[in-house]
């Protein structure tokens, strides 16, 4: 679990907006933060892990 500096849990909307901002800066295709989990699992399976 990720938190703000004061220890409060991050709001889902904050994580979504931050992820989208970083995704755009990195030039990655449109995907959701949750979709990133599925992408990682697919890549692991494809690599034989």
Protein backbone atom coordinates (compact mmCIF):
# COMPACT_ATOMS: atom_id res chain seq x y z
CA UNK A 1 0.00 0.00 0.00
CA UNK A 2 1.28 3.43 -0.89
CA UNK A 3 0.67 6.47 1.26
CA UNK A 4 0.99 10.22 1.25
CA UNK A 5 3.83 11.66 3.34
CA UNK A 6 1.45 12.00 6.31
CA UNK A 7 0.68 8.25 6.23
CA UNK A 8 -2.80 8.54 4.75
CA UNK A 9 -3.54 6.06 1.94
CA UNK A 10 -3.37 7.42 -1.60
CA UNK A 11 -6.71 8.09 -3.23
CA UNK A 12 -7.32 5.91 -6.30
CA UNK A 13 -8.00 8.98 -8.46
CA UNK A 14 -4.58 10.40 -7.56
CA UNK A 15 -2.82 7.18 -8.54
CA UNK A 16 -4.77 7.02 -11.81
CA UNK A 17 -3.93 10.60 -12.78
CA UNK A 18 -0.26 10.24 -11.81
CA UNK A 19 0.09 6.98 -13.73
CA UNK A 20 -1.52 8.50 -16.82
CA UNK A 21 0.79 11.53 -16.65
CA UNK A 22 3.89 9.33 -16.35
CA UNK A 23 2.64 6.99 -19.09
CA UNK A 24 2.23 9.90 -21.50
CA UNK A 25 5.67 11.31 -20.63
CA UNK A 26 7.22 7.91 -21.31
CA UNK A 27 5.44 7.63 -24.66
CA UNK A 28 3.62 4.43 -23.71
CA UNK A 29 0.31 3.40 -25.26
CA UNK A 30 -2.98 4.04 -23.46
CA UNK A 31 -3.56 1.60 -20.61
CA UNK A 32 -4.92 1.69 -17.09
CA UNK A 33 -2.87 1.24 -13.94
CA UNK A 34 -4.73 -2.03 -13.36
CA UNK A 35 -4.04 -3.05 -16.96
CA UNK A 36 -0.34 -2.67 -16.21
CA UNK A 37 -0.62 -5.66 -13.85
CA UNK A 38 -2.07 -7.79 -16.63
CA UNK A 39 0.58 -6.61 -19.07
CA UNK A 40 3.34 -7.61 -16.64
CA UNK A 41 1.77 -11.03 -16.06
CA UNK A 42 1.50 -11.60 -19.82
CA UNK A 43 5.14 -10.66 -20.35
CA UNK A 44 6.24 -13.00 -17.56
CA UNK A 45 4.26 -15.88 -19.00
CA UNK A 46 5.58 -15.20 -22.50
CA UNK A 47 9.15 -15.27 -21.19
CA UNK A 48 8.60 -18.65 -19.56
CA UNK A 49 8.66 -17.40 -15.97
